[in-house]
Amino acid sequence: MTRGDVDLERLKAAAPEAAELLRQLANANRLLILCHIAQEERSVGQLEQELGLRQPGLSQQLAELRQSGLVKTRRESRSIYYSLADERAQGVMAMLFEIFCQDPAALAERLHQAPAPEPTRPAGDAARFARILPPRA
């Protein structure tokens, strides 16, 4: 079995889990909630105020995120605080922040940096695809 076959088998095994993570992120309200708590722990009241969501809808989204294991809670007196509980979600949120929230010029510059050299592979091992970048302005 080649390395590519092993990687493909891992992908097949992880595909349902990855699809579930993406399903959770595909809801705009849940994504905004995760964006806020990825920065720092937030209480329900803070999230309600910052996101402009009403408490019943917010609680429903938080319950789904908690049930899927993406967030965890901490109680302090009468307040419940939410934070990210999943390293995969933290990584995806960091990537989304970089793509959508950072200075577009800085992101474009980073994308135009020379890629790291690929490891050498035996001839005929796998197809290689050219990376096409938009022309620089």
C-alpha atoms as a PDB file:
ATOM      1  CA  MET A   1       0.000   0.000   0.000  1.00  0.00           C
ATOM      2  CA  THR A   2       1.444   3.393  -0.991  1.00  0.00           C
ATOM      3  CA  ARG A   3       1.514   6.477   1.189  1.00  0.00           C
ATOM      4  CA  GLY A   4      -1.219   8.021  -0.976  1.00  0.00           C
ATOM      5  CA  ASP A   5      -3.450   4.986  -0.399  1.00  0.00           C
ATOM      6  CA  VAL A   6      -2.924   5.241   3.366  1.00  0.00           C
ATOM      7  CA  ASP A   7      -3.793   8.970   3.285  1.00  0.00           C
ATOM      8  CA  LEU A   8      -6.919   8.254   1.254  1.00  0.00           C
ATOM      9  CA  GLU A   9      -7.999   5.561   3.726  1.00  0.00           C
ATOM     10  CA  ARG A  10      -7.550   8.017   6.608  1.00  0.00           C
ATOM     11  CA  LEU A  11      -9.621  10.571   4.719  1.00  0.00           C
ATOM     12  CA  LYS A  12     -12.368   8.015   4.096  1.00  0.00           C
ATOM     13  CA  ALA A  13     -12.422   7.101   7.779  1.00  0.00           C
ATOM     14  CA  ALA A  14     -12.515  10.762   8.891  1.00  0.00           C
ATOM     15  CA  ALA A  15     -14.983  12.007   6.249  1.00  0.00           C
ATOM     16  CA  PRO A  16     -18.149  11.600   8.366  1.00  0.00           C
ATOM     17  CA  GLU A  17     -16.543  13.433  11.283  1.00  0.00           C
ATOM     18  CA  ALA A  18     -15.274  16.208   8.993  1.00  0.00           C
ATOM     19  CA  ALA A  19     -18.706  16.527   7.363  1.00  0.00           C
ATOM     20  CA  GLU A  20     -20.338  16.910  10.785  1.00  0.00           C
ATOM     21  CA  LEU A  21     -17.860  19.630  11.774  1.00  0.00           C
ATOM     22  CA  LEU A  22     -18.553  21.467   8.517  1.00  0.00           C
ATOM     23  CA  ARG A  23     -22.311  21.052   9.040  1.00  0.00           C
ATOM     24  CA  GLN A  24     -22.010  22.761  12.412  1.00  0.00           C
ATOM     25  CA  LEU A  25     -19.997  25.587  10.856  1.00  0.00           C
ATOM     26  CA  ALA A  26     -22.424  25.975   7.935  1.00  0.00           C
ATOM     27  CA  ASN A  27     -24.985  27.856  10.056  1.00  0.00           C
ATOM     28  CA  ALA A  28     -24.242  31.605  10.085  1.00  0.00           C
ATOM     29  CA  ASN A  29     -25.353  32.091  13.706  1.00  0.00           C
ATOM     30  CA  ARG A  30     -23.284  29.168  14.986  1.00  0.00           C
ATOM     31  CA  LEU A  31     -20.304  30.401  12.974  1.00  0.00           C
ATOM     32  CA  LEU A  32     -20.608  33.883  14.497  1.00  0.00           C
ATOM     33  CA  ILE A  33     -20.900  32.393  17.976  1.00  0.00           C
ATOM     34  CA  LEU A  34     -17.752  30.342  17.387  1.00  0.00           C
ATOM     35  CA  CYS A  35     -15.937  33.403  16.010  1.00  0.00           C
ATOM     36  CA  HIS A  36     -16.684  35.329  19.182  1.00  0.00           C
ATOM     37  CA  ILE A  37     -15.783  32.600  21.643  1.00  0.00           C
ATOM     38  CA  ALA A  38     -12.654  31.672  19.663  1.00  0.00           C
ATOM     39  CA  GLN A  39     -11.284  35.088  20.635  1.00  0.00           C
ATOM     40  CA  GLU A  40     -12.129  34.660  24.311  1.00  0.00           C
ATOM     41  CA  GLU A  41     -14.608  33.028  26.619  1.00  0.00           C
ATOM     42  CA  ARG A  42     -18.014  34.741  26.539  1.00  0.00           C
ATOM     43  CA  SER A  43     -21.136  34.626  28.695  1.00  0.00           C
ATOM     44  CA  VAL A  44     -24.577  34.097  27.205  1.00  0.00           C
ATOM     45  CA  GLY A  45     -25.382  37.742  27.984  1.00  0.00           C
ATOM     46  CA  GLN A  46     -22.259  38.961  26.203  1.00  0.00           C
ATOM     47  CA  LEU A  47     -23.032  36.835  23.151  1.00  0.00           C
ATOM     48  CA  GLU A  48     -26.640  38.029  23.123  1.00  0.00           C
ATOM     49  CA  GLN A  49     -25.512  41.656  23.188  1.00  0.00           C
ATOM     50  CA  GLU A  50     -22.591  41.323  20.740  1.00  0.00           C
ATOM     51  CA  LEU A  51     -24.462  39.220  18.168  1.00  0.00           C
ATOM     52  CA  GLY A  52     -27.885  40.813  18.488  1.00  0.00           C
ATOM     53  CA  LEU A  53     -29.500  37.395  18.868  1.00  0.00           C
ATOM     54  CA  ARG A  54     -32.451  36.832  21.168  1.00  0.00           C
ATOM     55  CA  GLN A  55     -31.877  34.491  24.083  1.00  0.00           C
ATOM     56  CA  PRO A  56     -34.101  31.582  22.937  1.00  0.00           C
ATOM     57  CA  GLY A  57     -32.434  31.322  19.512  1.00  0.00           C
ATOM     58  CA  LEU A  58     -28.973  31.826  20.978  1.00  0.00           C
ATOM     59  CA  SER A  59     -29.560  29.119  23.583  1.00  0.00           C
ATOM     60  CA  GLN A  60     -30.706  26.703  20.889  1.00  0.00           C
ATOM     61  CA  GLN A  61     -27.545  27.284  18.838  1.00  0.00           C
ATOM     62  CA  LEU A  62     -25.318  27.013  21.918  1.00  0.00           C
ATOM     63  CA  ALA A  63     -27.017  23.741  22.895  1.00  0.00           C
ATOM     64  CA  GLU A  64     -26.305  22.298  19.450  1.00  0.00           C
ATOM     65  CA  LEU A  65     -22.662  23.395  19.619  1.00  0.00           C
ATOM     66  CA  ARG A  66     -22.352  21.924  23.113  1.00  0.00           C
ATOM     67  CA  GLN A  67     -23.996  18.647  22.037  1.00  0.00           C
ATOM     68  CA  SER A  68     -21.576  18.334  19.129  1.00  0.00           C
ATOM     69  CA  GLY A  69     -18.635  18.876  21.498  1.00  0.00           C
ATOM     70  CA  LEU A  70     -17.431  22.112  19.886  1.00  0.00           C
ATOM     71  CA  VAL A  71     -17.971  24.289  22.954  1.00  0.00           C
ATOM     72  CA  LYS A  72     -17.682  23.799  26.683  1.00  0.00           C
ATOM     73  CA  THR A  73     -19.244  25.687  29.558  1.00  0.00           C
ATOM     74  CA  ARG A  74     -18.089  27.107  32.837  1.00  0.00           C
ATOM     75  CA  ARG A  75     -20.444  28.380  35.509  1.00  0.00           C
ATOM     76  CA  GLU A  76     -19.553  31.398  37.597  1.00  0.00           C
ATOM     77  CA  SER A  77     -22.251  32.400  40.042  1.00  0.00           C
ATOM     78  CA  ARG A  78     -25.387  32.771  37.912  1.00  0.00           C
ATOM     79  CA  SER A  79     -23.570  33.196  34.596  1.00  0.00           C
ATOM     80  CA  ILE A  80     -22.576  30.484  32.152  1.00  0.00           C
ATOM     81  CA  TYR A  81     -19.477  31.091  30.054  1.00  0.00           C
ATOM     82  CA  TYR A  82     -18.742  29.394  26.736  1.00  0.00           C
ATOM     83  CA  SER A  83     -15.377  28.617  25.167  1.00  0.00           C
ATOM     84  CA  LEU A  84     -14.119  26.380  22.381  1.00  0.00           C
ATOM     85  CA  ALA A  85     -13.679  22.764  23.384  1.00  0.00           C
ATOM     86  CA  ASP A  86     -12.376  21.316  20.135  1.00  0.00           C
ATOM     87  CA  GLU A  87      -8.886  21.917  18.718  1.00  0.00           C
ATOM     88  CA  ARG A  88     -10.130  21.187  15.204  1.00  0.00           C
ATOM     89  CA  ALA A  89     -12.730  23.935  15.518  1.00  0.00           C
ATOM     90  CA  GLN A  90     -10.029  26.276  16.853  1.00  0.00           C
ATOM     91  CA  GLY A  91      -7.884  25.538  13.790  1.00  0.00           C
ATOM     92  CA  VAL A  92     -10.768  26.047  11.369  1.00  0.00           C
ATOM     93  CA  MET A  93     -11.768  29.299  13.088  1.00  0.00           C
ATOM     94  CA  ALA A  94      -8.176  30.571  12.855  1.00  0.00           C
ATOM     95  CA  MET A  95      -8.107  29.723   9.155  1.00  0.00           C
ATOM     96  CA  LEU A  96     -11.470  31.414   8.521  1.00  0.00           C
ATOM     97  CA  PHE A  97     -10.313  34.491  10.430  1.00  0.00           C
ATOM     98  CA  GLU A  98      -7.170  34.642   8.325  1.00  0.00           C
ATOM     99  CA  ILE A  99      -9.097  34.299   5.063  1.00  0.00           C
ATOM    100  CA  PHE A 100     -12.066  36.554   5.789  1.00  0.00           C
ATOM    101  CA  CYS A 101     -11.045  38.995   8.518  1.00  0.00           C
ATOM    102  CA  GLN A 102      -7.413  39.975   7.970  1.00  0.00           C
ATOM    103  CA  ASP A 103      -6.172  42.731   5.713  1.00  0.00           C
ATOM    104  CA  PRO A 104      -6.793  41.500   2.137  1.00  0.00           C
ATOM    105  CA  ALA A 105      -3.447  42.922   0.945  1.00  0.00           C
ATOM    106  CA  ALA A 106      -1.520  40.995   3.623  1.00  0.00           C
ATOM    107  CA  LEU A 107      -3.329  37.783   2.734  1.00  0.00           C
ATOM    108  CA  ALA A 108      -2.672  38.289  -0.990  1.00  0.00           C
ATOM    109  CA  GLU A 109       1.012  38.898  -0.287  1.00  0.00           C
ATOM    110  CA  ARG A 110       1.237  35.724   1.784  1.00  0.00           C
ATOM    111  CA  LEU A 111      -0.456  33.694  -0.945  1.00  0.00           C
ATOM    112  CA  HIS A 112       2.052  34.960  -3.506  1.00  0.00           C
ATOM    113  CA  GLN A 113       5.062  33.832  -1.483  1.00  0.00           C
ATOM    114  CA  ALA A 114       7.041  31.063  -3.081  1.00  0.00           C
ATOM    115  CA  PRO A 115       5.742  27.677  -1.940  1.00  0.00           C
ATOM    116  CA  ALA A 116       7.999  25.327  -0.047  1.00  0.00           C
ATOM    117  CA  PRO A 117       9.703  22.830  -2.328  1.00  0.00           C
ATOM    118  CA  GLU A 118       7.814  19.572  -2.714  1.00  0.00           C
ATOM    119  CA  PRO A 119       9.478  16.408  -1.510  1.00  0.00           C
ATOM    120  CA  THR A 120      10.848  14.371  -4.339  1.00  0.00           C
ATOM    121  CA  ARG A 121       8.781  11.370  -5.356  1.00  0.00           C
ATOM    122  CA  PRO A 122       9.520   8.461  -7.595  1.00  0.00           C
ATOM    123  CA  ALA A 123       8.449   8.928 -11.203  1.00  0.00           C
ATOM    124  CA  GLY A 124       4.838   7.976 -11.828  1.00  0.00           C
ATOM    125  CA  ASP A 125       3.923   8.128  -8.123  1.00  0.00           C
ATOM    126  CA  ALA A 126       1.196  10.749  -8.380  1.00  0.00           C
ATOM    127  CA  ALA A 127      -0.034  13.459 -10.667  1.00  0.00           C
ATOM    128  CA  ARG A 128       1.144  16.983  -9.930  1.00  0.00           C
ATOM    129  CA  PHE A 129      -1.050  19.984 -10.484  1.00  0.00           C
ATOM    130  CA  ALA A 130       0.116  23.491 -11.261  1.00  0.00           C
ATOM    131  CA  ARG A 131      -0.836  26.171  -8.793  1.00  0.00           C
ATOM    132  CA  ILE A 132      -2.307  29.070 -10.716  1.00  0.00           C
ATOM    133  CA  LEU A 133      -2.194  32.417  -8.964  1.00  0.00           C
ATOM    134  CA  PRO A 134      -3.965  35.565 -10.137  1.00  0.00           C
ATOM    135  CA  PRO A 135      -1.645  38.174 -11.668  1.00  0.00           C
ATOM    136  CA  ARG A 136      -0.178  40.695  -9.272  1.00  0.00           C
ATOM    137  CA  ALA A 137      -1.700  44.149  -9.448  1.00  0.00           C
END
